Each structure stands twice: as C-alpha cells, then as structure tokens.
C-alpha cells in the first residue's frame, strides 16, 4: 500500500519507482535510503581519479541512472540533495565534500549501517578514497567485497553500486508500516503515551496509524471468536 516514507523505520524495505530499497536512517531533512535489489555496474573513474566529486561514477549515477529511475516512476521532487563526506581512509580531508542525489555509501556509512545492509554477491564501490593527491597516492578507492569487508580497488576497474539516496519525509512509497514504531519505550499512562506520540509524529500520522492497528486487532479477535 502507499504510505509516506517517514512512517517507515530503519531496516524496513519498500518499493519506489520499480526499485526495492531499505530505510537506513531518519534525518532532519529527509529519510536516508539505499537501493537493494540491483547492482549498477560502472567504473569509478575513467581518468583513474579516486575523488568521487569528479568521478565517472558520480556523473553516471546522477545522470543516466537517475533519468532511468524517473522513467520508471520516481518523482524527481521527492529526492533531497545529499552532502557526501570524501574524507580519505587515512583521515586526510583534501577532497572535502560534494553534493549529489545518488552516491555509493562511504566507509563510515557502511560501518554505521552495517547491521541493516544485506551482503551482495558482487564487490561494490564506496565513495571513500584510500588516500589523496596531497599524500602522493590517489590510485585506490575503498571497496566492499561480497562478505561486507572493506578493501581497496583501482578506480579504473569496474565494480557494482547500490546507491544511497534521500527522500523528503512526505514522499509516497510502497510499503508496510512497522507497528512497533508507535509503542512507548518506557512504562507510562495511556494519556502520557498518546501525548508523547502525537508530539513526536503529529496528530494526523498518529491517528491514521493508530486506527489501522485497532482495526487489525479487532479483526484478529473476531477471527478467534468465530
């Protein structure tokens, strides 16, 4: 069914524009997600640069891949521009950050969301360089193998990518609402629980989901009695 992506929780899967994706995180400006049902194949950079900001991969994802996704039903107004941290694996930050709508995950993001990200049958690019030009080594990019471990790879090679993207909270997707989202984390009165949940999620969202839970519970009890 159609729901707003903000109603989903980290780890929940959903459909969007004929692609299957997973929620990684909820942020102030949108919901961070990752495509999980396909592997886009591309060189990191035809000129052998390990700087994602100027890479072939960045261009391919945000031009060809994005156009194809829009043709498949994605709404370009649903996407929120992301800022990608290009700090190298050794800590050098010469490359700064870059902004785009689609990008491979960084090594830090891979570690942060590792428990949510399913393994892949193919090696994947990250956006993280091994080192930078200022340290005389810009010939390697960090990559993730099929077991989820981090290695390095030549940017002229061809690997896969399951891109990250961010959707505005009200973007509509195909998915199921996680009921546990609306359960209080600690013991408190019903009145306090309802007030807390309305403050956190808004009256309309809370009432809509709460009513669905009540209906499902009523139907289950009715089935048991029959």
C-alpha atoms as a PDB file:
ATOM      1  CA  UNK A   1       0.000   0.000   0.000  1.00  0.00           C
ATOM      2  CA  UNK A   2       1.012   3.620  -0.460  1.00  0.00           C
ATOM      3  CA  UNK A   3       2.459   5.216   2.659  1.00  0.00           C
ATOM      4  CA  UNK A   4       4.747   8.123   3.446  1.00  0.00           C
ATOM      5  CA  UNK A   5       8.385   7.118   3.776  1.00  0.00           C
ATOM      6  CA  UNK A   6       8.603   8.885   7.162  1.00  0.00           C
ATOM      7  CA  UNK A   7       6.250   6.218   8.543  1.00  0.00           C
ATOM      8  CA  UNK A   8       8.893   3.534   7.990  1.00  0.00           C
ATOM      9  CA  UNK A   9      11.704   2.614  10.362  1.00  0.00           C
ATOM     10  CA  UNK A  10      15.395   1.853   9.763  1.00  0.00           C
ATOM     11  CA  UNK A  11      15.605  -1.654   8.339  1.00  0.00           C
ATOM     12  CA  UNK A  12      12.168  -1.508   6.691  1.00  0.00           C
ATOM     13  CA  UNK A  13      12.019  -2.320   2.985  1.00  0.00           C
ATOM     14  CA  UNK A  14       9.820  -0.545   0.478  1.00  0.00           C
ATOM     15  CA  UNK A  15       9.229  -0.137  -3.217  1.00  0.00           C
ATOM     16  CA  UNK A  16       9.828   3.081  -5.091  1.00  0.00           C
ATOM     17  CA  UNK A  17       9.880   3.649  -8.846  1.00  0.00           C
ATOM     18  CA  UNK A  18      10.148  -0.080  -9.632  1.00  0.00           C
ATOM     19  CA  UNK A  19      13.135  -0.486  -7.295  1.00  0.00           C
ATOM     20  CA  UNK A  20      13.360  -2.159  -3.913  1.00  0.00           C
ATOM     21  CA  UNK A  21      15.035  -0.115  -1.196  1.00  0.00           C
ATOM     22  CA  UNK A  22      15.712  -0.108   2.533  1.00  0.00           C
ATOM     23  CA  UNK A  23      15.500   2.682   5.117  1.00  0.00           C
ATOM     24  CA  UNK A  24      18.841   3.374   6.798  1.00  0.00           C
ATOM     25  CA  UNK A  25      18.191   6.480   8.886  1.00  0.00           C
ATOM     26  CA  UNK A  26      15.766   9.310   9.610  1.00  0.00           C
ATOM     27  CA  UNK A  27      17.330  12.763   9.432  1.00  0.00           C
ATOM     28  CA  UNK A  28      16.138  16.333   9.881  1.00  0.00           C
ATOM     29  CA  UNK A  29      15.986  16.975   6.143  1.00  0.00           C
ATOM     30  CA  UNK A  30      14.770  13.578   4.923  1.00  0.00           C
ATOM     31  CA  UNK A  31      14.961   9.784   5.101  1.00  0.00           C
ATOM     32  CA  UNK A  32      18.244   8.142   4.085  1.00  0.00           C
ATOM     33  CA  UNK A  33      17.687   5.005   1.991  1.00  0.00           C
ATOM     34  CA  UNK A  34      19.596   2.520  -0.149  1.00  0.00           C
ATOM     35  CA  UNK A  35      18.673   0.552  -3.267  1.00  0.00           C
ATOM     36  CA  UNK A  36      18.980  -3.173  -2.537  1.00  0.00           C
ATOM     37  CA  UNK A  37      17.520  -5.091  -5.470  1.00  0.00           C
ATOM     38  CA  UNK A  38      20.031  -4.330  -8.210  1.00  0.00           C
ATOM     39  CA  UNK A  39      23.714  -3.746  -8.903  1.00  0.00           C
ATOM     40  CA  UNK A  40      24.593  -0.849 -11.168  1.00  0.00           C
ATOM     41  CA  UNK A  41      27.900  -1.587 -12.900  1.00  0.00           C
ATOM     42  CA  UNK A  42      30.352   1.218 -13.626  1.00  0.00           C
ATOM     43  CA  UNK A  43      33.976   2.303 -13.465  1.00  0.00           C
ATOM     44  CA  UNK A  44      34.790   4.588 -10.584  1.00  0.00           C
ATOM     45  CA  UNK A  45      36.589   6.976 -12.914  1.00  0.00           C
ATOM     46  CA  UNK A  46      37.790   6.727 -16.489  1.00  0.00           C
ATOM     47  CA  UNK A  47      40.719   9.024 -15.706  1.00  0.00           C
ATOM     48  CA  UNK A  48      41.766   6.924 -12.693  1.00  0.00           C
ATOM     49  CA  UNK A  49      40.959   9.597 -10.101  1.00  0.00           C
ATOM     50  CA  UNK A  50      39.858   8.401  -6.663  1.00  0.00           C
ATOM     51  CA  UNK A  51      37.980  11.667  -5.942  1.00  0.00           C
ATOM     52  CA  UNK A  52      34.274  10.860  -6.126  1.00  0.00           C
ATOM     53  CA  UNK A  53      33.398  14.541  -6.663  1.00  0.00           C
ATOM     54  CA  UNK A  54      34.994  14.452 -10.131  1.00  0.00           C
ATOM     55  CA  UNK A  55      34.380  10.789 -10.917  1.00  0.00           C
ATOM     56  CA  UNK A  56      32.669   8.999 -13.779  1.00  0.00           C
ATOM     57  CA  UNK A  57      30.577   7.157 -11.199  1.00  0.00           C
ATOM     58  CA  UNK A  58      29.091  10.335  -9.765  1.00  0.00           C
ATOM     59  CA  UNK A  59      28.138  11.529 -13.251  1.00  0.00           C
ATOM     60  CA  UNK A  60      26.651   8.175 -14.256  1.00  0.00           C
ATOM     61  CA  UNK A  61      24.546   7.840 -11.118  1.00  0.00           C
ATOM     62  CA  UNK A  62      23.162  11.369 -11.143  1.00  0.00           C
ATOM     63  CA  UNK A  63      22.549  11.488 -14.898  1.00  0.00           C
ATOM     64  CA  UNK A  64      21.907   8.140 -16.610  1.00  0.00           C
ATOM     65  CA  UNK A  65      20.789   6.173 -13.551  1.00  0.00           C
ATOM     66  CA  UNK A  66      18.572   8.986 -12.250  1.00  0.00           C
ATOM     67  CA  UNK A  67      16.922   9.566 -15.646  1.00  0.00           C
ATOM     68  CA  UNK A  68      16.143   5.864 -15.903  1.00  0.00           C
ATOM     69  CA  UNK A  69      14.678   5.826 -12.393  1.00  0.00           C
ATOM     70  CA  UNK A  70      12.432   8.801 -13.188  1.00  0.00           C
ATOM     71  CA  UNK A  71      11.263   6.997 -16.327  1.00  0.00           C
ATOM     72  CA  UNK A  72      10.331   4.057 -14.088  1.00  0.00           C
ATOM     73  CA  UNK A  73       8.108   6.219 -11.884  1.00  0.00           C
ATOM     74  CA  UNK A  74      10.337   8.055  -9.395  1.00  0.00           C
ATOM     75  CA  UNK A  75       9.335  11.674  -8.718  1.00  0.00           C
ATOM     76  CA  UNK A  76      12.341  13.999  -9.068  1.00  0.00           C
ATOM     77  CA  UNK A  77      10.779  16.331  -6.474  1.00  0.00           C
ATOM     78  CA  UNK A  78      10.947  13.561  -3.862  1.00  0.00           C
ATOM     79  CA  UNK A  79      14.743  13.477  -3.782  1.00  0.00           C
ATOM     80  CA  UNK A  80      16.752  15.532  -1.289  1.00  0.00           C
ATOM     81  CA  UNK A  81      20.297  16.561  -2.155  1.00  0.00           C
ATOM     82  CA  UNK A  82      22.895  14.787  -0.012  1.00  0.00           C
ATOM     83  CA  UNK A  83      26.286  16.008   1.162  1.00  0.00           C
ATOM     84  CA  UNK A  84      28.862  13.243   0.758  1.00  0.00           C
ATOM     85  CA  UNK A  85      31.900  13.274   3.059  1.00  0.00           C
ATOM     86  CA  UNK A  86      35.006  12.473   0.994  1.00  0.00           C
ATOM     87  CA  UNK A  87      37.442  12.119   3.888  1.00  0.00           C
ATOM     88  CA  UNK A  88      40.078   9.547   2.927  1.00  0.00           C
ATOM     89  CA  UNK A  89      40.553   6.289   4.776  1.00  0.00           C
ATOM     90  CA  UNK A  90      43.705   7.680   6.418  1.00  0.00           C
ATOM     91  CA  UNK A  91      41.858  10.791   7.636  1.00  0.00           C
ATOM     92  CA  UNK A  92      43.013  13.349   5.040  1.00  0.00           C
ATOM     93  CA  UNK A  93      40.162  15.637   4.016  1.00  0.00           C
ATOM     94  CA  UNK A  94      41.617  17.350   0.927  1.00  0.00           C
ATOM     95  CA  UNK A  95      38.606  16.364  -1.178  1.00  0.00           C
ATOM     96  CA  UNK A  96      36.144  17.972   1.228  1.00  0.00           C
ATOM     97  CA  UNK A  97      32.531  17.109   0.465  1.00  0.00           C
ATOM     98  CA  UNK A  98      30.342  17.030  -2.615  1.00  0.00           C
ATOM     99  CA  UNK A  99      26.604  17.329  -3.151  1.00  0.00           C
ATOM    100  CA  UNK A 100      24.515  14.967  -5.241  1.00  0.00           C
ATOM    101  CA  UNK A 101      21.288  12.974  -5.197  1.00  0.00           C
ATOM    102  CA  UNK A 102      22.775   9.495  -5.624  1.00  0.00           C
ATOM    103  CA  UNK A 103      26.054   8.146  -4.277  1.00  0.00           C
ATOM    104  CA  UNK A 104      27.676   4.949  -3.034  1.00  0.00           C
ATOM    105  CA  UNK A 105      27.951   4.754   0.733  1.00  0.00           C
ATOM    106  CA  UNK A 106      31.120   5.950   2.421  1.00  0.00           C
ATOM    107  CA  UNK A 107      33.162   3.624   4.626  1.00  0.00           C
ATOM    108  CA  UNK A 108      31.814   5.406   7.700  1.00  0.00           C
ATOM    109  CA  UNK A 109      28.249   4.891   6.498  1.00  0.00           C
ATOM    110  CA  UNK A 110      28.967   1.253   5.742  1.00  0.00           C
ATOM    111  CA  UNK A 111      30.172   0.709   9.310  1.00  0.00           C
ATOM    112  CA  UNK A 112      27.306   2.712  10.834  1.00  0.00           C
ATOM    113  CA  UNK A 113      24.543   0.868   8.971  1.00  0.00           C
ATOM    114  CA  UNK A 114      26.274  -2.496   8.556  1.00  0.00           C
ATOM    115  CA  UNK A 115      23.636  -4.412  10.502  1.00  0.00           C
ATOM    116  CA  UNK A 116      20.938  -3.139   8.143  1.00  0.00           C
ATOM    117  CA  UNK A 117      22.771  -3.626   4.839  1.00  0.00           C
ATOM    118  CA  UNK A 118      22.445  -7.081   3.255  1.00  0.00           C
ATOM    119  CA  UNK A 119      25.538  -8.670   1.726  1.00  0.00           C
ATOM    120  CA  UNK A 120      25.940  -8.531  -2.023  1.00  0.00           C
ATOM    121  CA  UNK A 121      27.121 -11.183  -4.467  1.00  0.00           C
ATOM    122  CA  UNK A 122      29.428  -8.612  -6.063  1.00  0.00           C
ATOM    123  CA  UNK A 123      32.107  -6.184  -4.978  1.00  0.00           C
ATOM    124  CA  UNK A 124      30.835  -2.624  -4.558  1.00  0.00           C
ATOM    125  CA  UNK A 125      32.320   0.856  -4.686  1.00  0.00           C
ATOM    126  CA  UNK A 126      32.338   3.217  -1.733  1.00  0.00           C
ATOM    127  CA  UNK A 127      32.796   6.972  -2.087  1.00  0.00           C
ATOM    128  CA  UNK A 128      35.851   6.864   0.195  1.00  0.00           C
ATOM    129  CA  UNK A 129      39.359   7.276  -1.244  1.00  0.00           C
ATOM    130  CA  UNK A 130      42.245   5.224   0.095  1.00  0.00           C
ATOM    131  CA  UNK A 131      44.418   8.339   0.214  1.00  0.00           C
ATOM    132  CA  UNK A 132      44.595  11.738  -1.525  1.00  0.00           C
ATOM    133  CA  UNK A 133      46.815  13.551  -4.017  1.00  0.00           C
ATOM    134  CA  UNK A 134      48.446  15.584  -1.275  1.00  0.00           C
ATOM    135  CA  UNK A 135      49.926  12.376   0.092  1.00  0.00           C
ATOM    136  CA  UNK A 136      51.055  11.170  -3.349  1.00  0.00           C
ATOM    137  CA  UNK A 137      48.578   8.282  -3.586  1.00  0.00           C
ATOM    138  CA  UNK A 138      45.334   8.758  -5.485  1.00  0.00           C
ATOM    139  CA  UNK A 139      45.346   5.381  -7.238  1.00  0.00           C
ATOM    140  CA  UNK A 140      42.994   3.465  -4.927  1.00  0.00           C
ATOM    141  CA  UNK A 141      39.381   3.639  -3.754  1.00  0.00           C
ATOM    142  CA  UNK A 142      37.902   1.717  -0.866  1.00  0.00           C
ATOM    143  CA  UNK A 143      35.558  -1.069  -1.965  1.00  0.00           C
ATOM    144  CA  UNK A 144      33.351  -3.635  -0.220  1.00  0.00           C
ATOM    145  CA  UNK A 145      33.599  -7.332  -1.027  1.00  0.00           C
ATOM    146  CA  UNK A 146      30.773  -9.866  -1.125  1.00  0.00           C
ATOM    147  CA  UNK A 147      31.125 -10.528   2.608  1.00  0.00           C
ATOM    148  CA  UNK A 148      30.834  -6.863   3.520  1.00  0.00           C
ATOM    149  CA  UNK A 149      34.548  -6.388   4.295  1.00  0.00           C
ATOM    150  CA  UNK A 150      36.403  -3.250   3.187  1.00  0.00           C
ATOM    151  CA  UNK A 151      39.325  -3.477   0.736  1.00  0.00           C
ATOM    152  CA  UNK A 152      40.883  -1.200  -1.869  1.00  0.00           C
ATOM    153  CA  UNK A 153      40.487  -1.218  -5.650  1.00  0.00           C
ATOM    154  CA  UNK A 154      41.770   0.649  -8.699  1.00  0.00           C
ATOM    155  CA  UNK A 155      39.363   3.417  -9.837  1.00  0.00           C
ATOM    156  CA  UNK A 156      39.798   2.336 -13.474  1.00  0.00           C
ATOM    157  CA  UNK A 157      38.198  -1.016 -12.633  1.00  0.00           C
ATOM    158  CA  UNK A 158      34.520  -1.872 -12.919  1.00  0.00           C
ATOM    159  CA  UNK A 159      32.523  -2.737  -9.790  1.00  0.00           C
ATOM    160  CA  UNK A 160      28.894  -2.526  -8.751  1.00  0.00           C
ATOM    161  CA  UNK A 161      26.996   0.009  -6.663  1.00  0.00           C
ATOM    162  CA  UNK A 162      23.713   0.004  -4.759  1.00  0.00           C
ATOM    163  CA  UNK A 163      23.285   3.761  -4.383  1.00  0.00           C
ATOM    164  CA  UNK A 164      22.201   5.711  -1.341  1.00  0.00           C
ATOM    165  CA  UNK A 165      19.555   8.391  -1.745  1.00  0.00           C
ATOM    166  CA  UNK A 166      17.483  10.633   0.482  1.00  0.00           C
ATOM    167  CA  UNK A 167      13.730  11.191   0.158  1.00  0.00           C
ATOM    168  CA  UNK A 168      11.672  14.026   1.583  1.00  0.00           C
ATOM    169  CA  UNK A 169       9.635  12.730   4.563  1.00  0.00           C
ATOM    170  CA  UNK A 170       6.270  13.037   2.782  1.00  0.00           C
ATOM    171  CA  UNK A 171       7.350  11.088  -0.316  1.00  0.00           C
ATOM    172  CA  UNK A 172       4.945   8.235  -1.043  1.00  0.00           C
ATOM    173  CA  UNK A 173       6.344   4.712  -1.342  1.00  0.00           C
ATOM    174  CA  UNK A 174       5.021   1.163  -1.423  1.00  0.00           C
ATOM    175  CA  UNK A 175       5.457  -0.463   1.963  1.00  0.00           C
ATOM    176  CA  UNK A 176       4.076  -1.591   5.292  1.00  0.00           C
ATOM    177  CA  UNK A 177       4.090   0.468   8.493  1.00  0.00           C
ATOM    178  CA  UNK A 178       6.059  -1.029  11.382  1.00  0.00           C
ATOM    179  CA  UNK A 179       3.611  -1.195  14.274  1.00  0.00           C
ATOM    180  CA  UNK A 180       6.311  -1.095  16.950  1.00  0.00           C
ATOM    181  CA  UNK A 181       7.089   2.478  15.986  1.00  0.00           C
ATOM    182  CA  UNK A 182       4.111   3.723  17.997  1.00  0.00           C
ATOM    183  CA  UNK A 183       4.677   1.732  21.145  1.00  0.00           C
ATOM    184  CA  UNK A 184       6.122   3.757  24.080  1.00  0.00           C
ATOM    185  CA  UNK A 185       9.722   2.978  25.040  1.00  0.00           C
ATOM    186  CA  UNK A 186       9.006   3.137  28.781  1.00  0.00           C
ATOM    187  CA  UNK A 187       6.098   2.443  31.073  1.00  0.00           C
ATOM    188  CA  UNK A 188       3.702   5.384  31.411  1.00  0.00           C
ATOM    189  CA  UNK A 189      -0.003   6.161  31.487  1.00  0.00           C
ATOM    190  CA  UNK A 190      -2.112   5.893  28.341  1.00  0.00           C
ATOM    191  CA  UNK A 191      -2.689   9.659  28.372  1.00  0.00           C
ATOM    192  CA  UNK A 192       1.060  10.358  28.608  1.00  0.00           C
ATOM    193  CA  UNK A 193       1.821   7.824  25.849  1.00  0.00           C
ATOM    194  CA  UNK A 194      -0.684   9.381  23.449  1.00  0.00           C
ATOM    195  CA  UNK A 195       0.554  12.919  24.124  1.00  0.00           C
ATOM    196  CA  UNK A 196       4.174  11.850  23.616  1.00  0.00           C
ATOM    197  CA  UNK A 197       3.442  10.064  20.343  1.00  0.00           C
ATOM    198  CA  UNK A 198       1.382  12.964  18.960  1.00  0.00           C
ATOM    199  CA  UNK A 199       4.202  15.385  19.795  1.00  0.00           C
ATOM    200  CA  UNK A 200       6.723  13.117  18.082  1.00  0.00           C
ATOM    201  CA  UNK A 201       4.822  12.146  14.919  1.00  0.00           C
ATOM    202  CA  UNK A 202       1.964  14.651  14.567  1.00  0.00           C
ATOM    203  CA  UNK A 203      -1.743  14.196  15.196  1.00  0.00           C
ATOM    204  CA  UNK A 204      -2.712  13.102  11.686  1.00  0.00           C
ATOM    205  CA  UNK A 205       0.005  10.447  11.301  1.00  0.00           C
ATOM    206  CA  UNK A 206      -0.581   9.071  14.782  1.00  0.00           C
ATOM    207  CA  UNK A 207      -4.367   8.838  14.436  1.00  0.00           C
ATOM    208  CA  UNK A 208      -4.145   7.263  10.990  1.00  0.00           C
ATOM    209  CA  UNK A 209      -1.738   4.532  12.083  1.00  0.00           C
ATOM    210  CA  UNK A 210      -3.366   4.003  15.494  1.00  0.00           C
ATOM    211  CA  UNK A 211      -6.744   3.452  13.825  1.00  0.00           C
ATOM    212  CA  UNK A 212      -5.203   0.850  11.486  1.00  0.00           C
ATOM    213  CA  UNK A 213      -3.718  -1.017  14.440  1.00  0.00           C
ATOM    214  CA  UNK A 214      -7.071  -1.004  16.248  1.00  0.00           C
ATOM    215  CA  UNK A 215      -8.884  -2.329  13.180  1.00  0.00           C
ATOM    216  CA  UNK A 216      -6.345  -5.129  12.717  1.00  0.00           C
ATOM    217  CA  UNK A 217      -6.580  -6.058  16.395  1.00  0.00           C
ATOM    218  CA  UNK A 218     -10.379  -6.090  16.222  1.00  0.00           C
ATOM    219  CA  UNK A 219     -10.303  -8.341  13.146  1.00  0.00           C
ATOM    220  CA  UNK A 220      -7.890 -10.771  14.829  1.00  0.00           C
ATOM    221  CA  UNK A 221     -10.111 -11.079  17.900  1.00  0.00           C
ATOM    222  CA  UNK A 222     -13.163 -11.510  15.682  1.00  0.00           C
ATOM    223  CA  UNK A 223     -11.458 -14.350  13.785  1.00  0.00           C
ATOM    224  CA  UNK A 224     -10.556 -16.105  17.047  1.00  0.00           C
ATOM    225  CA  UNK A 225     -14.152 -15.911  18.258  1.00  0.00           C
ATOM    226  CA  UNK A 226     -15.609 -17.281  15.020  1.00  0.00           C
END
